[in-house]
C-alpha atoms as a PDB file:
ATOM      1  CA  UNK A   1     -15.605 -11.961   6.903  1.00  0.00           C
ATOM      2  CA  UNK A   2     -13.826  -8.666   6.557  1.00  0.00           C
ATOM      3  CA  UNK A   3     -14.268  -6.539   3.526  1.00  0.00           C
ATOM      4  CA  UNK A   4     -11.601  -6.235   0.859  1.00  0.00           C
ATOM      5  CA  UNK A   5      -9.601  -3.085   0.740  1.00  0.00           C
ATOM      6  CA  UNK A   6      -9.509  -0.957  -2.467  1.00  0.00           C
ATOM      7  CA  UNK A   7      -6.510  -1.203  -4.621  1.00  0.00           C
ATOM      8  CA  UNK A   8      -3.978   1.591  -3.773  1.00  0.00           C
ATOM      9  CA  UNK A   9      -3.698   4.745  -5.897  1.00  0.00           C
ATOM     10  CA  UNK A  10      -0.049   5.457  -5.125  1.00  0.00           C
ATOM     11  CA  UNK A  11       3.035   3.971  -3.671  1.00  0.00           C
ATOM     12  CA  UNK A  12       6.160   5.682  -2.155  1.00  0.00           C
ATOM     13  CA  UNK A  13       9.230   4.295  -4.062  1.00  0.00           C
ATOM     14  CA  UNK A  14      11.469   5.220  -1.068  1.00  0.00           C
ATOM     15  CA  UNK A  15       9.728   3.232   1.671  1.00  0.00           C
ATOM     16  CA  UNK A  16       6.984   1.252  -0.082  1.00  0.00           C
ATOM     17  CA  UNK A  17       4.091   2.902   1.880  1.00  0.00           C
ATOM     18  CA  UNK A  18       0.827   2.899  -0.064  1.00  0.00           C
ATOM     19  CA  UNK A  19      -2.153   5.232  -0.122  1.00  0.00           C
ATOM     20  CA  UNK A  20      -5.641   4.906  -1.541  1.00  0.00           C
ATOM     21  CA  UNK A  21      -6.055   8.685  -1.558  1.00  0.00           C
ATOM     22  CA  UNK A  22      -5.705  10.059  -5.049  1.00  0.00           C
ATOM     23  CA  UNK A  23      -5.204  13.522  -3.509  1.00  0.00           C
ATOM     24  CA  UNK A  24      -1.883  12.355  -2.253  1.00  0.00           C
ATOM     25  CA  UNK A  25      -0.367  11.360  -5.623  1.00  0.00           C
ATOM     26  CA  UNK A  26       2.776  13.371  -6.363  1.00  0.00           C
ATOM     27  CA  UNK A  27       2.952  14.578  -2.699  1.00  0.00           C
ATOM     28  CA  UNK A  28       5.512  13.727  -0.054  1.00  0.00           C
ATOM     29  CA  UNK A  29       4.977  10.404   1.729  1.00  0.00           C
ATOM     30  CA  UNK A  30       3.424  10.719   5.144  1.00  0.00           C
ATOM     31  CA  UNK A  31       5.170   7.667   6.696  1.00  0.00           C
ATOM     32  CA  UNK A  32       7.319   8.236   9.692  1.00  0.00           C
ATOM     33  CA  UNK A  33      10.608   6.200   9.763  1.00  0.00           C
ATOM     34  CA  UNK A  34      12.718   6.309  12.882  1.00  0.00           C
ATOM     35  CA  UNK A  35      11.029   9.477  14.118  1.00  0.00           C
ATOM     36  CA  UNK A  36      11.479  11.368  10.851  1.00  0.00           C
ATOM     37  CA  UNK A  37       9.130  11.770   7.889  1.00  0.00           C
ATOM     38  CA  UNK A  38      10.002   9.762   4.823  1.00  0.00           C
ATOM     39  CA  UNK A  39      11.584  11.899   2.058  1.00  0.00           C
ATOM     40  CA  UNK A  40       9.847   9.894  -0.756  1.00  0.00           C
ATOM     41  CA  UNK A  41       7.096  11.237  -3.023  1.00  0.00           C
ATOM     42  CA  UNK A  42       3.989   9.112  -3.695  1.00  0.00           C
ATOM     43  CA  UNK A  43       4.019   7.830  -7.269  1.00  0.00           C
ATOM     44  CA  UNK A  44       0.724   6.973  -8.997  1.00  0.00           C
ATOM     45  CA  UNK A  45       0.265   3.319  -9.774  1.00  0.00           C
ATOM     46  CA  UNK A  46      -1.024   3.357 -13.221  1.00  0.00           C
ATOM     47  CA  UNK A  47      -2.398  -0.107 -13.650  1.00  0.00           C
ATOM     48  CA  UNK A  48      -4.541  -2.420 -11.669  1.00  0.00           C
ATOM     49  CA  UNK A  49      -2.228  -5.140 -12.909  1.00  0.00           C
ATOM     50  CA  UNK A  50       0.588  -3.630 -10.796  1.00  0.00           C
ATOM     51  CA  UNK A  51      -1.144  -5.054  -7.692  1.00  0.00           C
ATOM     52  CA  UNK A  52      -2.163  -8.485  -6.552  1.00  0.00           C
ATOM     53  CA  UNK A  53      -4.391  -9.299  -3.622  1.00  0.00           C
ATOM     54  CA  UNK A  54      -2.310 -10.492  -0.667  1.00  0.00           C
ATOM     55  CA  UNK A  55      -2.763 -14.259  -0.473  1.00  0.00           C
ATOM     56  CA  UNK A  56      -2.314 -14.269   3.305  1.00  0.00           C
ATOM     57  CA  UNK A  57      -5.215 -11.976   4.106  1.00  0.00           C
ATOM     58  CA  UNK A  58      -7.225 -12.021   0.897  1.00  0.00           C
ATOM     59  CA  UNK A  59      -6.937  -8.210   0.410  1.00  0.00           C
ATOM     60  CA  UNK A  60      -8.386  -7.440   3.828  1.00  0.00           C
ATOM     61  CA  UNK A  61      -5.197  -6.323   5.544  1.00  0.00           C
ATOM     62  CA  UNK A  62      -6.104  -8.416   8.565  1.00  0.00           C
ATOM     63  CA  UNK A  63      -5.265 -11.876   9.821  1.00  0.00           C
ATOM     64  CA  UNK A  64      -7.167 -13.130  12.762  1.00  0.00           C
ATOM     65  CA  UNK A  65      -7.809  -9.725  14.333  1.00  0.00           C
ATOM     66  CA  UNK A  66      -4.310  -8.529  13.710  1.00  0.00           C
ATOM     67  CA  UNK A  67      -2.625  -6.496  10.995  1.00  0.00           C
ATOM     68  CA  UNK A  68      -1.393  -8.738   8.162  1.00  0.00           C
ATOM     69  CA  UNK A  69       2.415  -9.102   8.249  1.00  0.00           C
ATOM     70  CA  UNK A  70       2.714 -10.236   4.666  1.00  0.00           C
ATOM     71  CA  UNK A  71       1.352  -7.021   3.186  1.00  0.00           C
ATOM     72  CA  UNK A  72       1.879  -4.752   6.263  1.00  0.00           C
ATOM     73  CA  UNK A  73      -1.950  -4.318   6.515  1.00  0.00           C
ATOM     74  CA  UNK A  74      -2.265  -2.839   2.934  1.00  0.00           C
ATOM     75  CA  UNK A  75      -4.121  -5.870   1.629  1.00  0.00           C
ATOM     76  CA  UNK A  76      -2.309  -5.577  -1.687  1.00  0.00           C
ATOM     77  CA  UNK A  77       1.224  -6.390  -2.883  1.00  0.00           C
ATOM     78  CA  UNK A  78       2.912  -4.227  -5.459  1.00  0.00           C
ATOM     79  CA  UNK A  79       4.150  -6.237  -8.452  1.00  0.00           C
ATOM     80  CA  UNK A  80       4.883  -3.900 -11.349  1.00  0.00           C
ATOM     81  CA  UNK A  81       3.913  -5.262 -14.732  1.00  0.00           C
ATOM     82  CA  UNK A  82       7.038  -4.167 -16.576  1.00  0.00           C
END
């Protein structure tokens, strides 16, 4: 069985891309969209409760040797607790 991915540290509010790297919080998103870099800025996700393990891949980011489509391979789904 594949190992579970760590909960993301930040999420880009513009495109939804996530990062587990705390160094990238408050920095410009690195995701490329249609050949151009996203203009969003990674926002820290302050609570573990803002995330739930993807039920399709059980937080592994993979389904049968392929990237999970439900969570885009992130393993976690953002659900803000507001």
